[in-house]
Amino acid sequence: MGINTESDIAANLQIGPTDKGMVRLFVEADGIEIPMDFDPEEAEEIADEIRAAAQAARGLGKGR
């Protein structure tokens, strides 16, 4: 499955700090739980990538 492959899978995403000073992205779908921990600097890089993707998606959506 690639970034442009559509899917009917529904998932829940939770994001928050852990008691160890990490940032956790917790994904739950169809009985599967995926905790992903990142140090604060990595989390900020991910946030920047999400913002850049949102900006790019806005530009692509205008052509519809």
PDB file of N, CA and C in Angstrom:
ATOM      1  N   MET A   1       0.862  -1.173   0.000  1.00  0.00           N
ATOM      2  CA  MET A   1       0.000   0.000   0.000  1.00  0.00           C
ATOM      3  C   MET A   1       0.905   1.232   0.000  1.00  0.00           C
ATOM      4  N   GLY A   2       0.621   2.150  -0.886  1.00  0.00           N
ATOM      5  CA  GLY A   2       1.414   3.375  -0.968  1.00  0.00           C
ATOM      6  C   GLY A   2       0.645   4.570  -0.442  1.00  0.00           C
ATOM      7  N   ILE A   3       1.294   5.702  -0.476  1.00  0.00           N
ATOM      8  CA  ILE A   3       0.719   6.931   0.069  1.00  0.00           C
ATOM      9  C   ILE A   3      -0.547   7.346  -0.666  1.00  0.00           C
ATOM     10  N   ASN A   4      -0.673   6.984  -1.942  1.00  0.00           N
ATOM     11  CA  ASN A   4      -1.846   7.378  -2.725  1.00  0.00           C
ATOM     12  C   ASN A   4      -2.885   6.275  -2.859  1.00  0.00           C
ATOM     13  N   THR A   5      -2.688   5.153  -2.168  1.00  0.00           N
ATOM     14  CA  THR A   5      -3.640   4.053  -2.219  1.00  0.00           C
ATOM     15  C   THR A   5      -4.746   4.300  -1.203  1.00  0.00           C
ATOM     16  N   GLU A   6      -5.988   4.349  -1.685  1.00  0.00           N
ATOM     17  CA  GLU A   6      -7.109   4.562  -0.776  1.00  0.00           C
ATOM     18  C   GLU A   6      -7.415   3.285  -0.011  1.00  0.00           C
ATOM     19  N   SER A   7      -7.990   3.448   1.175  1.00  0.00           N
ATOM     20  CA  SER A   7      -8.308   2.307   2.025  1.00  0.00           C
ATOM     21  C   SER A   7      -9.575   2.595   2.810  1.00  0.00           C
ATOM     22  N   ASP A   8     -10.304   1.540   3.126  1.00  0.00           N
ATOM     23  CA  ASP A   8     -11.501   1.677   3.951  1.00  0.00           C
ATOM     24  C   ASP A   8     -11.213   1.380   5.422  1.00  0.00           C
ATOM     25  N   ILE A   9      -9.957   1.195   5.766  1.00  0.00           N
ATOM     26  CA  ILE A   9      -9.580   0.895   7.149  1.00  0.00           C
ATOM     27  C   ILE A   9      -9.750   2.146   8.001  1.00  0.00           C
ATOM     28  N   ALA A  10     -10.468   1.988   9.103  1.00  0.00           N
ATOM     29  CA  ALA A  10     -10.632   3.098  10.051  1.00  0.00           C
ATOM     30  C   ALA A  10      -9.659   2.891  11.204  1.00  0.00           C
ATOM     31  N   ALA A  11      -9.072   3.981  11.665  1.00  0.00           N
ATOM     32  CA  ALA A  11      -8.107   3.902  12.765  1.00  0.00           C
ATOM     33  C   ALA A  11      -8.292   5.096  13.683  1.00  0.00           C
ATOM     34  N   ASN A  12      -7.896   4.910  14.918  1.00  0.00           N
ATOM     35  CA  ASN A  12      -7.879   5.990  15.898  1.00  0.00           C
ATOM     36  C   ASN A  12      -6.426   6.394  16.122  1.00  0.00           C
ATOM     37  N   LEU A  13      -6.195   7.688  16.235  1.00  0.00           N
ATOM     38  CA  LEU A  13      -4.858   8.206  16.482  1.00  0.00           C
ATOM     39  C   LEU A  13      -4.897   9.067  17.729  1.00  0.00           C
ATOM     40  N   GLN A  14      -4.008   8.759  18.662  1.00  0.00           N
ATOM     41  CA  GLN A  14      -3.843   9.579  19.864  1.00  0.00           C
ATOM     42  C   GLN A  14      -2.405  10.066  19.891  1.00  0.00           C
ATOM     43  N   ILE A  15      -2.207  11.305  20.317  1.00  0.00           N
ATOM     44  CA  ILE A  15      -0.872  11.886  20.391  1.00  0.00           C
ATOM     45  C   ILE A  15      -0.722  12.554  21.748  1.00  0.00           C
ATOM     46  N   GLY A  16       0.385  12.276  22.426  1.00  0.00           N
ATOM     47  CA  GLY A  16       0.598  12.911  23.720  1.00  0.00           C
ATOM     48  C   GLY A  16       1.966  12.589  24.286  1.00  0.00           C
ATOM     49  N   PRO A  17       2.315  13.255  25.378  1.00  0.00           N
ATOM     50  CA  PRO A  17       3.605  13.010  26.020  1.00  0.00           C
ATOM     51  C   PRO A  17       3.550  11.768  26.907  1.00  0.00           C
ATOM     52  N   THR A  18       4.677  11.095  27.018  1.00  0.00           N
ATOM     53  CA  THR A  18       4.775   9.966  27.941  1.00  0.00           C
ATOM     54  C   THR A  18       5.445  10.429  29.228  1.00  0.00           C
ATOM     55  N   ASP A  19       5.400   9.573  30.229  1.00  0.00           N
ATOM     56  CA  ASP A  19       6.051   9.921  31.499  1.00  0.00           C
ATOM     57  C   ASP A  19       7.569   9.805  31.414  1.00  0.00           C
ATOM     58  N   LYS A  20       8.082   9.361  30.265  1.00  0.00           N
ATOM     59  CA  LYS A  20       9.531   9.256  30.050  1.00  0.00           C
ATOM     60  C   LYS A  20      10.074  10.413  29.223  1.00  0.00           C
ATOM     61  N   GLY A  21       9.227  11.427  28.942  1.00  0.00           N
ATOM     62  CA  GLY A  21       9.673  12.587  28.189  1.00  0.00           C
ATOM     63  C   GLY A  21       9.679  12.395  26.686  1.00  0.00           C
ATOM     64  N   MET A  22       8.953  11.393  26.228  1.00  0.00           N
ATOM     65  CA  MET A  22       8.848  11.134  24.795  1.00  0.00           C
ATOM     66  C   MET A  22       7.480  11.609  24.303  1.00  0.00           C
ATOM     67  N   VAL A  23       7.336  11.703  22.999  1.00  0.00           N
ATOM     68  CA  VAL A  23       6.047  12.006  22.390  1.00  0.00           C
ATOM     69  C   VAL A  23       5.561  10.705  21.756  1.00  0.00           C
ATOM     70  N   ARG A  24       4.360  10.285  22.119  1.00  0.00           N
ATOM     71  CA  ARG A  24       3.829   9.015  21.600  1.00  0.00           C
ATOM     72  C   ARG A  24       2.716   9.265  20.604  1.00  0.00           C
ATOM     73  N   LEU A  25       2.837   8.616  19.446  1.00  0.00           N
ATOM     74  CA  LEU A  25       1.741   8.496  18.496  1.00  0.00           C
ATOM     75  C   LEU A  25       1.221   7.088  18.689  1.00  0.00           C
ATOM     76  N   PHE A  26      -0.054   6.975  19.035  1.00  0.00           N
ATOM     77  CA  PHE A  26      -0.656   5.679  19.323  1.00  0.00           C
ATOM     78  C   PHE A  26      -1.761   5.440  18.311  1.00  0.00           C
ATOM     79  N   VAL A  27      -1.581   4.410  17.483  1.00  0.00           N
ATOM     80  CA  VAL A  27      -2.547   4.083  16.439  1.00  0.00           C
ATOM     81  C   VAL A  27      -3.242   2.785  16.824  1.00  0.00           C
ATOM     82  N   GLU A  28      -4.569   2.793  16.712  1.00  0.00           N
ATOM     83  CA  GLU A  28      -5.353   1.596  17.003  1.00  0.00           C
ATOM     84  C   GLU A  28      -6.316   1.356  15.849  1.00  0.00           C
ATOM     85  N   ALA A  29      -6.292   0.118  15.320  1.00  0.00           N
ATOM     86  CA  ALA A  29      -7.188  -0.233  14.221  1.00  0.00           C
ATOM     87  C   ALA A  29      -7.400  -1.742  14.204  1.00  0.00           C
ATOM     88  N   ASP A  30      -8.637  -2.155  14.093  1.00  0.00           N
ATOM     89  CA  ASP A  30      -8.976  -3.578  13.973  1.00  0.00           C
ATOM     90  C   ASP A  30      -8.273  -4.441  15.011  1.00  0.00           C
ATOM     91  N   GLY A  31      -8.243  -4.007  16.258  1.00  0.00           N
ATOM     92  CA  GLY A  31      -7.648  -4.788  17.332  1.00  0.00           C
ATOM     93  C   GLY A  31      -6.131  -4.734  17.397  1.00  0.00           C
ATOM     94  N   ILE A  32      -5.515  -3.948  16.554  1.00  0.00           N
ATOM     95  CA  ILE A  32      -4.060  -3.798  16.554  1.00  0.00           C
ATOM     96  C   ILE A  32      -3.715  -2.457  17.179  1.00  0.00           C
ATOM     97  N   GLU A  33      -2.755  -2.450  18.079  1.00  0.00           N
ATOM     98  CA  GLU A  33      -2.299  -1.212  18.714  1.00  0.00           C
ATOM     99  C   GLU A  33      -0.832  -0.994  18.358  1.00  0.00           C
ATOM    100  N   ILE A  34      -0.524   0.204  17.880  1.00  0.00           N
ATOM    101  CA  ILE A  34       0.851   0.530  17.500  1.00  0.00           C
ATOM    102  C   ILE A  34       1.287   1.791  18.240  1.00  0.00           C
ATOM    103  N   PRO A  35       2.080   1.632  19.301  1.00  0.00           N
ATOM    104  CA  PRO A  35       2.637   2.803  19.977  1.00  0.00           C
ATOM    105  C   PRO A  35       3.972   3.170  19.330  1.00  0.00           C
ATOM    106  N   MET A  36       4.137   4.424  18.976  1.00  0.00           N
ATOM    107  CA  MET A  36       5.385   4.896  18.381  1.00  0.00           C
ATOM    108  C   MET A  36       5.885   6.076  19.211  1.00  0.00           C
ATOM    109  N   ASP A  37       7.057   5.921  19.806  1.00  0.00           N
ATOM    110  CA  ASP A  37       7.630   6.958  20.653  1.00  0.00           C
ATOM    111  C   ASP A  37       8.752   7.694  19.927  1.00  0.00           C
ATOM    112  N   PHE A  38       8.762   9.027  20.090  1.00  0.00           N
ATOM    113  CA  PHE A  38       9.758   9.876  19.465  1.00  0.00           C
ATOM    114  C   PHE A  38      10.278  10.858  20.493  1.00  0.00           C
ATOM    115  N   ASP A  39      11.570  11.199  20.379  1.00  0.00           N
ATOM    116  CA  ASP A  39      12.053  12.248  21.270  1.00  0.00           C
ATOM    117  C   ASP A  39      11.454  13.570  20.777  1.00  0.00           C
ATOM    118  N   PRO A  40      11.435  14.594  21.614  1.00  0.00           N
ATOM    119  CA  PRO A  40      10.773  15.849  21.242  1.00  0.00           C
ATOM    120  C   PRO A  40      11.278  16.451  19.926  1.00  0.00           C
ATOM    121  N   GLU A  41      12.571  16.347  19.650  1.00  0.00           N
ATOM    122  CA  GLU A  41      13.101  16.909  18.405  1.00  0.00           C
ATOM    123  C   GLU A  41      12.557  16.159  17.193  1.00  0.00           C
ATOM    124  N   GLU A  42      12.513  14.826  17.280  1.00  0.00           N
ATOM    125  CA  GLU A  42      11.944  14.038  16.182  1.00  0.00           C
ATOM    126  C   GLU A  42      10.467  14.376  15.985  1.00  0.00           C
ATOM    127  N   ALA A  43       9.745  14.540  17.092  1.00  0.00           N
ATOM    128  CA  ALA A  43       8.322  14.867  17.018  1.00  0.00           C
ATOM    129  C   ALA A  43       8.112  16.214  16.323  1.00  0.00           C
ATOM    130  N   GLU A  44       8.982  17.179  16.601  1.00  0.00           N
ATOM    131  CA  GLU A  44       8.871  18.477  15.939  1.00  0.00           C
ATOM    132  C   GLU A  44       9.156  18.354  14.441  1.00  0.00           C
ATOM    133  N   GLU A  45      10.104  17.499  14.066  1.00  0.00           N
ATOM    134  CA  GLU A  45      10.376  17.263  12.641  1.00  0.00           C
ATOM    135  C   GLU A  45       9.160  16.636  11.963  1.00  0.00           C
ATOM    136  N   ILE A  46       8.523  15.681  12.634  1.00  0.00           N
ATOM    137  CA  ILE A  46       7.320  15.045  12.096  1.00  0.00           C
ATOM    138  C   ILE A  46       6.214  16.081  11.948  1.00  0.00           C
ATOM    139  N   ALA A  47       6.054  16.936  12.945  1.00  0.00           N
ATOM    140  CA  ALA A  47       5.035  17.989  12.875  1.00  0.00           C
ATOM    141  C   ALA A  47       5.292  18.916  11.689  1.00  0.00           C
ATOM    142  N   ASP A  48       6.560  19.248  11.445  1.00  0.00           N
ATOM    143  CA  ASP A  48       6.904  20.088  10.289  1.00  0.00           C
ATOM    144  C   ASP A  48       6.542  19.387   8.985  1.00  0.00           C
ATOM    145  N   GLU A  49       6.804  18.074   8.914  1.00  0.00           N
ATOM    146  CA  GLU A  49       6.471  17.312   7.709  1.00  0.00           C
ATOM    147  C   GLU A  49       4.956  17.259   7.498  1.00  0.00           C
ATOM    148  N   ILE A  50       4.199  17.124   8.578  1.00  0.00           N
ATOM    149  CA  ILE A  50       2.731  17.113   8.471  1.00  0.00           C
ATOM    150  C   ILE A  50       2.238  18.471   7.971  1.00  0.00           C
ATOM    151  N   ARG A  51       2.806  19.564   8.510  1.00  0.00           N
ATOM    152  CA  ARG A  51       2.412  20.892   8.045  1.00  0.00           C
ATOM    153  C   ARG A  51       2.732  21.086   6.563  1.00  0.00           C
ATOM    154  N   ALA A  52       3.907  20.629   6.134  1.00  0.00           N
ATOM    155  CA  ALA A  52       4.300  20.762   4.730  1.00  0.00           C
ATOM    156  C   ALA A  52       3.371  19.938   3.833  1.00  0.00           C
ATOM    157  N   ALA A  53       3.006  18.749   4.273  1.00  0.00           N
ATOM    158  CA  ALA A  53       2.092  17.911   3.489  1.00  0.00           C
ATOM    159  C   ALA A  53       0.714  18.554   3.406  1.00  0.00           C
ATOM    160  N   ALA A  54       0.251  19.150   4.501  1.00  0.00           N
ATOM    161  CA  ALA A  54      -1.051  19.829   4.496  1.00  0.00           C
ATOM    162  C   ALA A  54      -1.027  21.000   3.521  1.00  0.00           C
ATOM    163  N   GLN A  55       0.059  21.747   3.518  1.00  0.00           N
ATOM    164  CA  GLN A  55       0.199  22.875   2.593  1.00  0.00           C
ATOM    165  C   GLN A  55       0.168  22.387   1.148  1.00  0.00           C
ATOM    166  N   ALA A  56       0.898  21.311   0.867  1.00  0.00           N
ATOM    167  CA  ALA A  56       0.923  20.762  -0.489  1.00  0.00           C
ATOM    168  C   ALA A  56      -0.452  20.234  -0.886  1.00  0.00           C
ATOM    169  N   ALA A  57      -1.140  19.588   0.035  1.00  0.00           N
ATOM    170  CA  ALA A  57      -2.473  19.051  -0.252  1.00  0.00           C
ATOM    171  C   ALA A  57      -3.457  20.170  -0.562  1.00  0.00           C
ATOM    172  N   ARG A  58      -3.334  21.289   0.137  1.00  0.00           N
ATOM    173  CA  ARG A  58      -4.198  22.440  -0.160  1.00  0.00           C
ATOM    174  C   ARG A  58      -4.011  22.884  -1.601  1.00  0.00           C
ATOM    175  N   GLY A  59      -2.772  22.916  -2.037  1.00  0.00           N
ATOM    176  CA  GLY A  59      -2.477  23.334  -3.403  1.00  0.00           C
ATOM    177  C   GLY A  59      -3.032  22.363  -4.427  1.00  0.00           C
ATOM    178  N   LEU A  60      -2.978  21.081  -4.133  1.00  0.00           N
ATOM    179  CA  LEU A  60      -3.497  20.071  -5.053  1.00  0.00           C
ATOM    180  C   LEU A  60      -5.024  20.093  -5.101  1.00  0.00           C
ATOM    181  N   GLY A  61      -5.651  20.401  -3.978  1.00  0.00           N
ATOM    182  CA  GLY A  61      -7.117  20.403  -3.907  1.00  0.00           C
ATOM    183  C   GLY A  61      -7.757  21.539  -4.664  1.00  0.00           C
ATOM    184  N   LYS A  62      -6.998  22.590  -4.969  1.00  0.00           N
ATOM    185  CA  LYS A  62      -7.568  23.765  -5.669  1.00  0.00           C
ATOM    186  C   LYS A  62      -7.877  23.475  -7.126  1.00  0.00           C
ATOM    187  N   GLY A  63      -7.239  22.444  -7.698  1.00  0.00           N
ATOM    188  CA  GLY A  63      -7.447  22.134  -9.092  1.00  0.00           C
ATOM    189  C   GLY A  63      -8.698  21.324  -9.358  1.00  0.00           C
ATOM    190  N   ARG A  64      -9.449  20.987  -8.333  1.00  0.00           N
ATOM    191  CA  ARG A  64     -10.641  20.147  -8.512  1.00  0.00           C
ATOM    192  C   ARG A  64     -11.820  20.946  -8.982  1.00  0.00           C
TER     193      ARG A  64
END
